[in-house]
Amino acid sequence: MTGPLRIRWRAVAVAFILLWGSAQPATAIEYQITDIEIRGNEKTRREILLRELGFSVGMTVSAAEIEKGRNSIMALGLFTTVETRLHPTKAGHLLRVHIREKYFFLPVPIVNVSGDGDWTYGVMSQTENLLGLNQQLKVMFRHKIYHDADIKREDRLQIRYQTPRIANSLFGLELGLYRERALLDEVRQKRAGSYERQLTSGGITVSRWLRTEGPSRGWRLSVGLQRQAYEHTLLSGDAGLLFNTGVFTVLTRLENKMITASADHRTGQHYGYELQNITPGVRRTISRHFGFYRSYQDFGFGKAAQLHTHLRAGVCSGSVFGNPCFSLGGDTTIRGVRRDTLEGDMFVLSNVQLLIPLAGTQYIRGVVFLDAGVAAKSTSSATPERSAVGVGVGLVWKLQ
């Protein structure tokens, strides 16, 4: 073998070794956790944070698992920042978790003008981390004046308590109570009347995480019971359009929530299905089915812009007072389309929006949206009878 040929073969052999070595999967570095130190938790209990981490002292974890635990703590929505650092020890590594808790101001005034022209004002008192156990207590009173709607005005007092885990167990609990007084105009073909409605409602929902260990994310099954009492007073017009009644509702919900959120950014998915069995009277039952899907994705380079997708669908077998079950149009369903443009007992709704941060601002972002919906009057006629599309641009802002 000549000299130049021998050199060529050596070069090929070296190149083959380099390529083969680079094709082998890199072994992930793992760390033996000898202790976990938490700093900055002035209110939040230590056991709440340790559960969200997903691992404990004595376990061997990778950097990816530590980052996953950090994201799970951040997903609680109680902190502005969550940082993790590893420090070598003689037997392994000490993990330090430093958090910065949010501060919630009580009470908070409510002043809002919706895209439909509705005015809402009132006051809200909210505690997001009651007793440091990730429990939420919310009390709200609001007065709402509707613009160009069947409801003229509405007063509502609402109290809600929620905990994702009872005593750090697999079970969660939600309690709700609200009282509402509204003035509304009811129109049915050639009959019309003005009524005052007083509604008192209370409910309890018990949920269970399907995963026995790990953070408060993933699949969850919920069962709830609600009681509503309607009282109507005829002010003018035709009687009998609305009546007094008591309504019991049993609901079952299955959902999967995998959302990671920060002060101005969120990613992940949340989807599920809900069944409601409504009993407004003796020998009468109404069924309602809901499905939803939400997605929050980074869009473009730098993770600055975000694409939000929200899909909803529903079908029902009737309503308490004989109205269509669902109505689409307006600021909360199809933006840019008049309120209640679509009505029926079946609907499909899609909301897609692109959020783009504006230079020099922290909480204000530009938005480009596309909303579309269809509705059918009854389950026997699945063919959509009407559809509507709304397209537009605007600004959104959120103050922390």
Protein backbone atom coordinates (compact mmCIF):
# COMPACT_ATOMS: atom_id res chain seq x y z
CA MET A 1 0.00 0.00 0.00
CA THR A 2 1.47 3.35 -1.03
CA GLY A 3 1.91 6.29 1.30
CA PRO A 4 -0.85 8.55 -0.10
CA LEU A 5 -3.34 5.66 -0.20
CA ARG A 6 -2.54 4.74 3.41
CA ILE A 7 -3.21 8.35 4.47
CA ARG A 8 -6.59 8.34 2.66
CA TRP A 9 -7.73 5.19 4.47
CA ARG A 10 -6.73 6.65 7.83
CA ALA A 11 -8.72 9.79 7.06
CA VAL A 12 -11.79 7.72 6.16
CA ALA A 13 -11.45 5.69 9.38
CA VAL A 14 -11.20 8.82 11.53
CA ALA A 15 -14.24 10.37 9.79
CA PHE A 16 -16.25 7.16 10.33
CA ILE A 17 -15.41 7.12 14.06
CA LEU A 18 -16.42 10.78 14.43
CA LEU A 19 -19.72 10.29 12.60
CA TRP A 20 -20.54 7.12 14.54
CA GLY A 21 -19.79 8.81 17.84
CA SER A 22 -21.97 11.82 17.03
CA ALA A 23 -24.87 9.51 16.08
CA GLN A 24 -24.94 7.91 19.51
CA PRO A 25 -27.50 9.42 21.95
CA ALA A 26 -25.90 11.59 24.63
CA THR A 27 -26.31 10.19 28.12
CA ALA A 28 -28.39 12.55 30.26
CA ILE A 29 -26.65 13.71 33.43
CA GLU A 30 -28.59 12.76 36.55
CA TYR A 31 -28.35 14.24 40.04
CA GLN A 32 -28.83 12.58 43.40
CA ILE A 33 -31.00 14.98 45.45
CA THR A 34 -29.82 14.97 49.06
CA ASP A 35 -31.96 17.90 50.21
CA ILE A 36 -34.50 20.43 48.89
CA GLU A 37 -34.39 23.98 50.20
CA ILE A 38 -37.25 26.38 49.45
CA ARG A 39 -36.88 30.14 49.80
CA GLY A 40 -39.34 33.01 49.37
CA ASN A 41 -42.48 31.12 50.43
CA GLU A 42 -43.77 33.57 52.98
CA LYS A 43 -47.36 32.28 52.59
CA THR A 44 -47.26 29.10 50.52
CA ARG A 45 -46.89 25.88 52.50
CA ARG A 46 -43.82 23.76 51.79
CA GLU A 47 -45.88 20.61 51.08
CA ILE A 48 -47.74 22.36 48.25
CA LEU A 49 -44.48 23.14 46.46
CA LEU A 50 -42.94 19.71 47.04
CA ARG A 51 -45.95 17.97 45.47
CA GLU A 52 -45.71 20.10 42.35
CA LEU A 53 -42.01 19.29 41.94
CA GLY A 54 -42.88 15.66 41.26
CA PHE A 55 -39.83 14.21 43.05
CA SER A 56 -38.45 14.11 46.58
CA VAL A 57 -35.24 13.85 48.58
CA GLY A 58 -33.29 10.67 47.84
CA MET A 59 -34.38 10.41 44.21
CA THR A 60 -32.11 10.68 41.17
CA VAL A 61 -33.39 13.14 38.57
CA SER A 62 -32.24 14.77 35.35
CA ALA A 63 -32.07 18.46 34.48
CA ALA A 64 -35.20 18.01 32.32
CA GLU A 65 -37.14 16.62 35.29
CA ILE A 66 -36.05 19.56 37.46
CA GLU A 67 -37.21 22.00 34.77
CA LYS A 68 -40.53 20.14 34.50
CA GLY A 69 -41.01 20.51 38.26
CA ARG A 70 -40.20 24.22 38.05
CA ASN A 71 -42.82 24.67 35.32
CA SER A 72 -45.40 22.80 37.42
CA ILE A 73 -44.83 25.19 40.34
CA MET A 74 -45.13 28.16 38.00
CA ALA A 75 -48.38 26.73 36.58
CA LEU A 76 -50.05 27.21 39.98
CA GLY A 77 -50.37 30.88 39.07
CA LEU A 78 -49.26 32.03 42.54
CA PHE A 79 -45.76 33.26 41.71
CA THR A 80 -44.11 35.85 39.50
CA THR A 81 -40.85 33.90 39.24
CA VAL A 82 -39.62 30.39 40.11
CA GLU A 83 -35.89 29.59 39.98
CA THR A 84 -34.03 26.33 40.69
CA ARG A 85 -30.31 25.84 41.37
CA LEU A 86 -28.20 22.78 42.12
CA HIS A 87 -25.36 22.87 44.65
CA PRO A 88 -22.92 19.94 45.00
CA THR A 89 -22.67 18.16 48.35
CA LYS A 90 -20.54 15.25 49.54
CA ALA A 91 -23.31 12.71 48.84
CA GLY A 92 -25.01 14.34 45.85
CA HIS A 93 -26.70 17.69 45.19
CA LEU A 94 -28.75 20.20 47.14
CA LEU A 95 -31.66 21.67 45.17
CA ARG A 96 -32.59 25.24 46.02
CA VAL A 97 -35.99 26.52 44.85
CA HIS A 98 -36.44 30.28 45.06
CA ILE A 99 -39.92 31.68 44.46
CA ARG A 100 -41.38 35.16 44.41
CA GLU A 101 -45.03 35.20 45.48
CA LYS A 102 -47.69 37.37 43.92
CA TYR A 103 -49.44 39.94 46.06
CA PHE A 104 -53.18 40.34 45.59
CA PHE A 105 -54.78 43.64 46.50
CA LEU A 106 -58.15 43.58 48.24
CA PRO A 107 -60.64 44.88 47.30
CA VAL A 108 -60.30 45.51 43.56
CA PRO A 109 -62.67 47.88 41.73
CA ILE A 110 -64.36 46.61 38.57
CA VAL A 111 -64.84 49.00 35.65
CA ASN A 112 -65.30 47.56 32.17
CA VAL A 113 -66.80 48.43 28.80
CA SER A 114 -67.22 45.40 26.53
CA GLY A 115 -67.05 45.30 22.77
CA ASP A 116 -70.85 45.12 22.73
CA GLY A 117 -71.14 48.42 24.60
CA ASP A 118 -72.11 46.90 27.97
CA TRP A 119 -71.02 48.76 31.11
CA THR A 120 -69.95 46.78 34.17
CA TYR A 121 -68.82 48.20 37.48
CA GLY A 122 -68.54 46.90 41.01
CA VAL A 123 -65.99 45.53 43.45
CA MET A 124 -64.20 42.20 43.86
CA SER A 125 -62.34 40.74 46.83
CA GLN A 126 -60.11 37.78 46.02
CA THR A 127 -57.58 35.64 47.85
CA GLU A 128 -55.59 33.32 45.58
CA ASN A 129 -53.54 31.47 48.21
CA LEU A 130 -55.75 31.20 51.29
CA LEU A 131 -53.83 29.86 54.32
CA GLY A 132 -50.90 29.16 51.99
CA LEU A 133 -52.67 26.03 50.68
CA ASN A 134 -53.41 27.11 47.08
CA GLN A 135 -57.05 27.77 47.96
CA GLN A 136 -59.07 30.52 46.29
CA LEU A 137 -61.82 32.59 47.88
CA LYS A 138 -63.58 35.13 45.69
CA VAL A 139 -66.40 37.54 46.57
CA MET A 140 -67.76 39.81 43.84
CA PHE A 141 -70.58 42.30 43.49
CA ARG A 142 -71.22 43.83 40.10
CA HIS A 143 -73.80 45.97 38.31
CA LYS A 144 -74.10 45.53 34.55
CA ILE A 145 -75.97 47.72 32.08
CA TYR A 146 -76.58 45.99 28.75
CA HIS A 147 -76.60 47.74 25.40
CA ASP A 148 -79.11 46.64 22.77
CA ALA A 149 -79.94 43.31 24.47
CA ASP A 150 -82.92 41.41 25.88
CA ILE A 151 -81.51 42.03 29.37
CA LYS A 152 -81.59 45.68 30.43
CA ARG A 153 -79.53 45.52 33.61
CA GLU A 154 -78.29 42.98 36.10
CA ASP A 155 -77.06 42.97 39.71
CA ARG A 156 -75.08 39.96 40.91
CA LEU A 157 -73.50 38.88 44.19
CA GLN A 158 -71.17 35.90 43.80
CA ILE A 159 -69.14 33.91 46.32
CA ARG A 160 -66.81 31.08 45.26
CA TYR A 161 -64.37 28.86 47.13
CA GLN A 162 -62.05 26.46 45.32
CA THR A 163 -59.21 24.14 46.26
CA PRO A 164 -57.54 21.74 43.80
CA ARG A 165 -56.59 19.36 46.64
CA ILE A 166 -58.35 18.77 49.96
CA ALA A 167 -55.68 18.30 52.65
CA ASN A 168 -53.12 17.60 49.89
CA SER A 169 -55.14 14.57 48.72
CA LEU A 170 -56.29 13.45 45.27
CA PHE A 171 -59.67 15.18 45.71
CA GLY A 172 -60.58 18.80 45.00
CA LEU A 173 -63.58 20.87 46.04
CA GLU A 174 -65.48 23.86 44.68
CA LEU A 175 -68.37 25.67 46.39
CA GLY A 176 -70.37 28.43 44.77
CA LEU A 177 -73.24 30.72 45.71
CA TYR A 178 -74.72 33.64 43.83
CA ARG A 179 -77.81 35.80 43.84
CA GLU A 180 -78.92 37.72 40.79
CA ARG A 181 -81.54 40.34 40.02
CA ALA A 182 -82.20 41.28 36.40
CA LEU A 183 -84.67 43.23 34.25
CA LEU A 184 -85.32 41.58 30.91
CA ASP A 185 -87.59 41.70 27.87
CA GLU A 186 -88.90 38.37 26.60
CA VAL A 187 -90.23 37.97 23.05
CA ARG A 188 -91.87 34.78 21.69
CA GLN A 189 -93.31 35.09 18.22
CA LYS A 190 -96.25 37.53 18.69
CA ARG A 191 -96.05 37.67 22.47
CA ALA A 192 -93.79 39.95 24.49
CA GLY A 193 -93.36 40.98 28.11
CA SER A 194 -91.05 42.72 30.54
CA TYR A 195 -90.06 40.80 33.68
CA GLU A 196 -87.97 41.13 36.79
CA ARG A 197 -86.01 37.98 37.59
CA GLN A 198 -84.54 36.98 40.93
CA LEU A 199 -82.27 33.97 40.77
CA THR A 200 -80.62 32.22 43.73
CA SER A 201 -78.12 29.48 42.95
CA GLY A 202 -75.78 27.24 44.90
CA GLY A 203 -73.53 24.39 43.89
CA ILE A 204 -70.88 21.93 44.98
CA THR A 205 -68.36 20.12 42.79
CA VAL A 206 -65.99 17.35 43.86
CA SER A 207 -63.09 16.40 41.60
CA ARG A 208 -60.43 13.70 41.59
CA TRP A 209 -57.02 13.71 39.94
CA LEU A 210 -56.61 10.49 37.96
CA ARG A 211 -52.84 10.45 38.43
CA THR A 212 -52.07 9.34 42.00
CA GLU A 213 -48.70 11.10 42.23
CA GLY A 214 -47.12 14.23 40.86
CA PRO A 215 -48.26 17.83 40.32
CA SER A 216 -51.80 19.20 39.99
CA ARG A 217 -51.93 18.81 36.23
CA GLY A 218 -53.29 16.28 33.77
CA TRP A 219 -56.54 14.32 33.76
CA ARG A 220 -59.26 15.14 36.28
CA LEU A 221 -62.81 13.83 36.77
CA SER A 222 -65.45 16.08 38.39
CA VAL A 223 -69.01 15.52 39.59
CA GLY A 224 -71.22 18.39 40.70
CA LEU A 225 -74.70 19.29 41.91
CA GLN A 226 -76.36 22.68 41.39
CA ARG A 227 -79.67 24.11 42.62
CA GLN A 228 -81.29 27.15 41.03
CA ALA A 229 -84.47 28.92 42.16
CA TYR A 230 -86.14 31.30 39.66
CA GLU A 231 -88.70 33.91 40.66
CA HIS A 232 -90.28 36.14 37.99
CA THR A 233 -92.47 39.22 38.36
CA LEU A 234 -94.41 40.52 35.35
CA LEU A 235 -93.87 44.26 34.89
CA SER A 236 -95.75 44.74 31.62
CA GLY A 237 -96.94 42.83 28.57
CA ASP A 238 -97.97 39.19 28.21
CA ALA A 239 -97.92 36.82 31.16
CA GLY A 240 -96.73 33.22 31.15
CA LEU A 241 -93.58 33.68 29.09
CA LEU A 242 -91.41 33.23 32.20
CA PHE A 243 -92.49 31.43 35.36
CA ASN A 244 -91.25 30.48 38.83
CA THR A 245 -89.44 27.17 39.11
CA GLY A 246 -86.65 25.25 40.83
CA VAL A 247 -83.96 23.52 38.79
CA PHE A 248 -81.55 20.73 39.78
CA THR A 249 -78.48 20.06 37.66
CA VAL A 250 -76.10 17.11 37.91
CA LEU A 251 -72.90 17.58 35.93
CA THR A 252 -70.02 15.28 35.04
CA ARG A 253 -66.79 16.59 33.55
CA LEU A 254 -63.63 14.92 32.26
CA GLU A 255 -60.74 17.21 31.36
CA ASN A 256 -57.01 17.23 30.76
CA LYS A 257 -55.15 20.44 31.56
CA MET A 258 -51.47 20.82 30.71
CA ILE A 259 -50.90 24.60 30.88
CA THR A 260 -47.74 26.41 31.92
CA ALA A 261 -48.39 30.08 32.71
CA SER A 262 -46.35 33.10 33.74
CA ALA A 263 -47.24 36.75 34.23
CA ASP A 264 -47.70 37.47 30.51
CA HIS A 265 -47.16 34.13 28.77
CA ARG A 266 -48.79 30.70 28.67
CA THR A 267 -48.27 27.51 26.66
CA GLY A 268 -49.94 24.13 26.53
CA GLN A 269 -53.35 22.56 25.98
CA HIS A 270 -56.61 22.17 27.90
CA TYR A 271 -59.50 20.07 26.60
CA GLY A 272 -62.44 18.12 27.94
CA TYR A 273 -66.09 17.07 27.85
CA GLU A 274 -69.02 17.92 30.14
CA LEU A 275 -72.48 16.35 30.50
CA GLN A 276 -75.31 18.15 32.30
CA ASN A 277 -78.59 16.50 33.30
CA ILE A 278 -81.09 19.26 34.15
CA THR A 279 -84.35 18.59 35.99
CA PRO A 280 -86.63 21.67 35.86
CA GLY A 281 -89.74 19.82 37.00
CA VAL A 282 -91.37 16.49 37.68
CA ARG A 283 -90.94 13.89 34.91
CA ARG A 284 -88.81 16.15 32.78
CA THR A 285 -85.09 15.94 32.15
CA ILE A 286 -82.93 18.01 29.82
CA SER A 287 -79.49 16.87 28.65
CA ARG A 288 -76.67 19.14 27.57
CA HIS A 289 -73.33 18.06 26.10
CA PHE A 290 -70.28 20.33 25.83
CA GLY A 291 -66.84 19.80 24.36
CA PHE A 292 -63.92 22.23 24.34
CA TYR A 293 -60.29 22.50 23.28
CA ARG A 294 -57.85 25.33 24.10
CA SER A 295 -54.31 25.66 22.79
CA TYR A 296 -51.63 28.27 23.55
CA GLN A 297 -48.61 28.14 21.26
CA ASP A 298 -45.54 30.27 20.67
CA PHE A 299 -45.57 31.74 17.20
CA GLY A 300 -42.51 32.87 15.24
CA PHE A 301 -39.01 33.49 16.56
CA GLY A 302 -38.16 34.55 20.08
CA LYS A 303 -41.42 33.23 21.57
CA ALA A 304 -42.74 36.79 21.62
CA ALA A 305 -45.93 36.30 19.60
CA GLN A 306 -48.52 33.69 20.56
CA LEU A 307 -51.30 31.85 18.74
CA HIS A 308 -54.39 31.09 20.87
CA THR A 309 -56.99 28.59 19.60
CA HIS A 310 -60.31 27.92 21.31
CA LEU A 311 -62.82 25.39 19.93
CA ARG A 312 -66.24 24.75 21.46
CA ALA A 313 -69.27 22.63 20.57
CA GLY A 314 -72.54 21.83 22.28
CA VAL A 315 -75.90 20.12 21.87
CA CYS A 316 -78.99 20.02 24.09
CA SER A 317 -82.44 18.42 24.19
CA GLY A 318 -84.27 21.57 25.32
CA SER A 319 -84.24 24.46 27.79
CA VAL A 320 -86.06 25.36 31.01
CA PHE A 321 -88.16 28.20 29.58
CA GLY A 322 -88.41 27.06 25.95
CA ASN A 323 -85.74 29.39 24.55
CA PRO A 324 -82.94 28.18 22.28
CA CYS A 325 -80.18 26.65 24.40
CA PHE A 326 -77.31 28.52 22.77
CA SER A 327 -76.77 31.94 21.23
CA LEU A 328 -73.72 33.12 19.29
CA GLY A 329 -72.60 36.63 18.44
CA GLY A 330 -71.12 39.36 20.54
CA ASP A 331 -67.94 40.03 22.45
CA THR A 332 -67.69 36.62 24.18
CA THR A 333 -68.40 34.36 21.19
CA ILE A 334 -68.07 35.97 17.72
CA ARG A 335 -66.44 39.38 17.91
CA GLY A 336 -67.60 41.89 15.33
CA VAL A 337 -70.98 40.16 14.97
CA ARG A 338 -74.14 41.41 16.67
CA ARG A 339 -75.16 39.67 19.88
CA ASP A 340 -77.53 36.65 19.53
CA THR A 341 -77.21 36.58 15.74
CA LEU A 342 -77.18 32.77 15.80
CA GLU A 343 -79.50 30.75 18.05
CA GLY A 344 -80.22 27.05 18.30
CA ASP A 345 -79.91 23.80 20.23
CA MET A 346 -76.63 22.88 18.52
CA PHE A 347 -73.52 24.98 17.89
CA VAL A 348 -69.89 24.82 16.84
CA LEU A 349 -67.61 27.77 17.59
CA SER A 350 -63.99 28.56 16.73
CA ASN A 351 -61.90 31.46 18.08
CA VAL A 352 -58.36 31.99 16.82
CA GLN A 353 -56.22 34.99 17.70
CA LEU A 354 -52.61 36.03 17.21
CA LEU A 355 -51.13 38.12 20.04
CA ILE A 356 -48.18 40.34 19.16
CA PRO A 357 -46.29 42.34 21.85
CA LEU A 358 -45.89 46.04 21.19
CA ALA A 359 -42.46 47.61 21.47
CA GLY A 360 -41.86 49.48 24.71
CA THR A 361 -44.83 47.99 26.57
CA GLN A 362 -44.97 45.09 29.00
CA TYR A 363 -48.66 44.22 29.31
CA ILE A 364 -50.23 45.60 26.10
CA ARG A 365 -50.32 43.46 22.97
CA GLY A 366 -51.85 43.79 19.54
CA VAL A 367 -54.31 41.11 18.49
CA VAL A 368 -55.55 39.81 15.14
CA PHE A 369 -58.58 37.52 15.50
CA LEU A 370 -60.79 35.25 13.42
CA ASP A 371 -64.04 33.99 14.99
CA ALA A 372 -66.48 31.64 13.25
CA GLY A 373 -69.62 29.85 14.41
CA VAL A 374 -72.56 27.80 13.14
CA ALA A 375 -75.84 26.86 14.81
CA ALA A 376 -78.80 24.57 14.15
CA LYS A 377 -82.24 24.90 15.72
CA SER A 378 -82.70 21.28 16.79
CA THR A 379 -80.89 17.98 17.12
CA SER A 380 -83.16 16.48 14.46
CA SER A 381 -81.77 18.96 11.93
CA ALA A 382 -78.01 18.66 12.14
CA THR A 383 -77.51 20.80 9.03
CA PRO A 384 -76.33 24.28 10.13
CA GLU A 385 -79.07 26.82 9.41
CA ARG A 386 -76.97 29.94 9.90
CA SER A 387 -73.31 30.81 10.22
CA ALA A 388 -71.30 33.93 11.00
CA VAL A 389 -67.67 35.04 10.81
CA GLY A 390 -65.93 37.91 12.59
CA VAL A 391 -62.48 39.25 11.66
CA GLY A 392 -60.68 42.17 13.27
CA VAL A 393 -57.72 43.72 15.04
CA GLY A 394 -57.39 45.35 18.42
CA LEU A 395 -55.44 45.72 21.64
CA VAL A 396 -55.48 43.59 24.78
CA TRP A 397 -53.88 44.38 28.11
CA LYS A 398 -53.59 42.72 31.47
CA LEU A 399 -52.51 44.41 34.68
CA GLN A 400 -50.92 42.22 37.37
